[in-house]
């Protein structure tokens, strides 16, 4: 059973930084696609950033240049470093893991609040 646990959210002023973590158990972060999502108007959740088994991270235009996704396969953990945060980044951030042939898994989410 694959489980994802996010942490690292909190309250920060605009321009500040946070680092989110997502620990994966039951599978490996070195394979398959894993990403960060957040709710968006008109959508259930929008992609913030993701990374495949061997590729570079992909970012939504709204976070390009401010957010950096990375992973530590030895710890089975992915990170989302968020810099220059804006009030519009306020959301619950979810970790999503896709395993072909098995399905999609979500974490419980971590709240990020950016004050102006």
C-alpha atoms as a PDB file:
ATOM      1  CA  UNK A   1       0.000   0.000   0.000  1.00  0.00           C
ATOM      2  CA  UNK A   2       1.449   3.334  -1.089  1.00  0.00           C
ATOM      3  CA  UNK A   3       1.127   6.174   1.419  1.00  0.00           C
ATOM      4  CA  UNK A   4       2.160   9.790   1.134  1.00  0.00           C
ATOM      5  CA  UNK A   5       2.675  12.145   4.071  1.00  0.00           C
ATOM      6  CA  UNK A   6       3.214  15.851   3.499  1.00  0.00           C
ATOM      7  CA  UNK A   7       4.632  18.346   5.947  1.00  0.00           C
ATOM      8  CA  UNK A   8       6.221  21.763   6.043  1.00  0.00           C
ATOM      9  CA  UNK A   9       3.269  24.043   5.494  1.00  0.00           C
ATOM     10  CA  UNK A  10       2.638  27.102   7.616  1.00  0.00           C
ATOM     11  CA  UNK A  11       1.993  30.829   7.753  1.00  0.00           C
ATOM     12  CA  UNK A  12       4.488  33.131   6.093  1.00  0.00           C
ATOM     13  CA  UNK A  13       4.573  36.744   4.941  1.00  0.00           C
ATOM     14  CA  UNK A  14       4.633  37.621   1.270  1.00  0.00           C
ATOM     15  CA  UNK A  15       8.172  37.303  -0.049  1.00  0.00           C
ATOM     16  CA  UNK A  16       8.993  34.573   2.421  1.00  0.00           C
ATOM     17  CA  UNK A  17       9.916  30.936   1.903  1.00  0.00           C
ATOM     18  CA  UNK A  18       8.757  27.486   2.913  1.00  0.00           C
ATOM     19  CA  UNK A  19       9.913  23.969   2.132  1.00  0.00           C
ATOM     20  CA  UNK A  20       7.352  21.223   1.813  1.00  0.00           C
ATOM     21  CA  UNK A  21       8.225  17.553   2.170  1.00  0.00           C
ATOM     22  CA  UNK A  22       6.413  14.447   0.971  1.00  0.00           C
ATOM     23  CA  UNK A  23       7.520  11.086   2.330  1.00  0.00           C
ATOM     24  CA  UNK A  24       6.511   8.086   0.229  1.00  0.00           C
ATOM     25  CA  UNK A  25       6.117   4.646   1.767  1.00  0.00           C
ATOM     26  CA  UNK A  26       5.287   1.435  -0.081  1.00  0.00           C
ATOM     27  CA  UNK A  27       7.051   2.467  -3.276  1.00  0.00           C
ATOM     28  CA  UNK A  28      10.077   4.393  -4.523  1.00  0.00           C
ATOM     29  CA  UNK A  29      10.467   8.036  -5.477  1.00  0.00           C
ATOM     30  CA  UNK A  30      13.113   7.045  -8.020  1.00  0.00           C
ATOM     31  CA  UNK A  31      10.503   5.688 -10.435  1.00  0.00           C
ATOM     32  CA  UNK A  32       7.086   6.823 -11.682  1.00  0.00           C
ATOM     33  CA  UNK A  33       5.757  10.337 -11.604  1.00  0.00           C
ATOM     34  CA  UNK A  34       5.353  12.314  -8.412  1.00  0.00           C
ATOM     35  CA  UNK A  35       4.074  15.835  -8.139  1.00  0.00           C
ATOM     36  CA  UNK A  36       2.670  18.677  -6.082  1.00  0.00           C
ATOM     37  CA  UNK A  37      -0.846  19.979  -6.652  1.00  0.00           C
ATOM     38  CA  UNK A  38      -3.097  22.658  -5.194  1.00  0.00           C
ATOM     39  CA  UNK A  39      -6.766  23.580  -5.654  1.00  0.00           C
ATOM     40  CA  UNK A  40      -7.542  26.115  -8.369  1.00  0.00           C
ATOM     41  CA  UNK A  41     -10.677  27.977  -9.474  1.00  0.00           C
ATOM     42  CA  UNK A  42     -12.679  25.819 -11.841  1.00  0.00           C
ATOM     43  CA  UNK A  43     -10.483  22.783 -11.234  1.00  0.00           C
ATOM     44  CA  UNK A  44     -10.239  20.215  -8.529  1.00  0.00           C
ATOM     45  CA  UNK A  45      -6.495  20.569  -8.274  1.00  0.00           C
ATOM     46  CA  UNK A  46      -3.874  22.081 -10.544  1.00  0.00           C
ATOM     47  CA  UNK A  47      -0.355  20.900 -11.110  1.00  0.00           C
ATOM     48  CA  UNK A  48       2.295  22.958  -9.363  1.00  0.00           C
ATOM     49  CA  UNK A  49       5.329  20.826 -10.213  1.00  0.00           C
ATOM     50  CA  UNK A  50       6.131  17.216 -10.982  1.00  0.00           C
ATOM     51  CA  UNK A  51       9.011  14.972 -11.847  1.00  0.00           C
ATOM     52  CA  UNK A  52       9.298  11.606 -13.580  1.00  0.00           C
ATOM     53  CA  UNK A  53      11.699   8.779 -12.971  1.00  0.00           C
ATOM     54  CA  UNK A  54      14.607  10.252 -14.895  1.00  0.00           C
ATOM     55  CA  UNK A  55      13.518  13.675 -16.070  1.00  0.00           C
ATOM     56  CA  UNK A  56      13.808  17.204 -14.852  1.00  0.00           C
ATOM     57  CA  UNK A  57      11.005  18.813 -12.875  1.00  0.00           C
ATOM     58  CA  UNK A  58       8.170  20.521 -14.721  1.00  0.00           C
ATOM     59  CA  UNK A  59       6.574  23.658 -13.292  1.00  0.00           C
ATOM     60  CA  UNK A  60       3.390  25.566 -13.787  1.00  0.00           C
ATOM     61  CA  UNK A  61       4.059  29.011 -15.257  1.00  0.00           C
ATOM     62  CA  UNK A  62       2.765  30.672 -12.105  1.00  0.00           C
ATOM     63  CA  UNK A  63       5.572  29.201  -9.979  1.00  0.00           C
ATOM     64  CA  UNK A  64       8.386  28.935 -12.525  1.00  0.00           C
ATOM     65  CA  UNK A  65      11.498  30.617 -11.139  1.00  0.00           C
ATOM     66  CA  UNK A  66      10.150  30.727  -7.588  1.00  0.00           C
ATOM     67  CA  UNK A  67       9.563  27.063  -6.703  1.00  0.00           C
ATOM     68  CA  UNK A  68      12.038  24.211  -6.952  1.00  0.00           C
ATOM     69  CA  UNK A  69      11.136  20.550  -6.749  1.00  0.00           C
ATOM     70  CA  UNK A  70      13.738  18.006  -5.735  1.00  0.00           C
ATOM     71  CA  UNK A  71      13.937  14.501  -4.352  1.00  0.00           C
ATOM     72  CA  UNK A  72      16.086  12.385  -2.110  1.00  0.00           C
ATOM     73  CA  UNK A  73      15.607   8.798  -3.234  1.00  0.00           C
ATOM     74  CA  UNK A  74      17.571   7.454  -0.282  1.00  0.00           C
ATOM     75  CA  UNK A  75      14.916   8.974   1.994  1.00  0.00           C
ATOM     76  CA  UNK A  76      12.026   8.312  -0.405  1.00  0.00           C
ATOM     77  CA  UNK A  77      11.150  11.967  -0.045  1.00  0.00           C
ATOM     78  CA  UNK A  78      10.369  14.768  -2.457  1.00  0.00           C
ATOM     79  CA  UNK A  79      10.566  18.442  -1.613  1.00  0.00           C
ATOM     80  CA  UNK A  80       9.065  21.652  -2.860  1.00  0.00           C
ATOM     81  CA  UNK A  81      11.164  24.692  -2.048  1.00  0.00           C
ATOM     82  CA  UNK A  82       8.941  27.752  -2.332  1.00  0.00           C
ATOM     83  CA  UNK A  83      10.555  31.180  -2.471  1.00  0.00           C
ATOM     84  CA  UNK A  84       9.177  34.665  -2.973  1.00  0.00           C
ATOM     85  CA  UNK A  85       5.768  33.465  -1.886  1.00  0.00           C
ATOM     86  CA  UNK A  86       2.721  35.470  -2.872  1.00  0.00           C
ATOM     87  CA  UNK A  87      -0.742  35.645  -1.274  1.00  0.00           C
ATOM     88  CA  UNK A  88      -2.152  33.827  -4.314  1.00  0.00           C
ATOM     89  CA  UNK A  89       0.028  30.835  -3.413  1.00  0.00           C
ATOM     90  CA  UNK A  90      -2.177  30.288  -0.363  1.00  0.00           C
ATOM     91  CA  UNK A  91      -3.660  26.797  -0.639  1.00  0.00           C
ATOM     92  CA  UNK A  92      -3.531  23.256   0.630  1.00  0.00           C
ATOM     93  CA  UNK A  93      -0.667  21.543  -1.191  1.00  0.00           C
ATOM     94  CA  UNK A  94      -1.043  17.891  -2.015  1.00  0.00           C
ATOM     95  CA  UNK A  95       1.515  15.311  -3.022  1.00  0.00           C
ATOM     96  CA  UNK A  96       0.424  12.958  -5.804  1.00  0.00           C
ATOM     97  CA  UNK A  97       2.090   9.716  -6.865  1.00  0.00           C
ATOM     98  CA  UNK A  98       1.179   7.806 -10.002  1.00  0.00           C
ATOM     99  CA  UNK A  99       2.044   4.123 -10.361  1.00  0.00           C
ATOM    100  CA  UNK A 100       1.182   2.589 -13.766  1.00  0.00           C
ATOM    101  CA  UNK A 101      -1.033  -0.437 -13.450  1.00  0.00           C
ATOM    102  CA  UNK A 102      -1.858   0.369  -9.857  1.00  0.00           C
ATOM    103  CA  UNK A 103      -3.244   3.864  -9.695  1.00  0.00           C
ATOM    104  CA  UNK A 104      -2.916   7.328  -8.247  1.00  0.00           C
ATOM    105  CA  UNK A 105      -2.209   8.095  -4.625  1.00  0.00           C
ATOM    106  CA  UNK A 106      -2.644  11.355  -2.713  1.00  0.00           C
ATOM    107  CA  UNK A 107      -1.405  12.632   0.582  1.00  0.00           C
ATOM    108  CA  UNK A 108      -3.571  14.407   3.122  1.00  0.00           C
ATOM    109  CA  UNK A 109      -2.253  17.843   2.194  1.00  0.00           C
ATOM    110  CA  UNK A 110      -0.408  20.589   4.025  1.00  0.00           C
ATOM    111  CA  UNK A 111      -1.731  24.132   4.394  1.00  0.00           C
ATOM    112  CA  UNK A 112       0.306  27.054   3.103  1.00  0.00           C
ATOM    113  CA  UNK A 113      -0.901  30.533   4.019  1.00  0.00           C
ATOM    114  CA  UNK A 114       0.815  33.653   2.697  1.00  0.00           C
ATOM    115  CA  UNK A 115      -0.133  36.960   4.268  1.00  0.00           C
ATOM    116  CA  UNK A 116       0.175  40.255   2.426  1.00  0.00           C
END
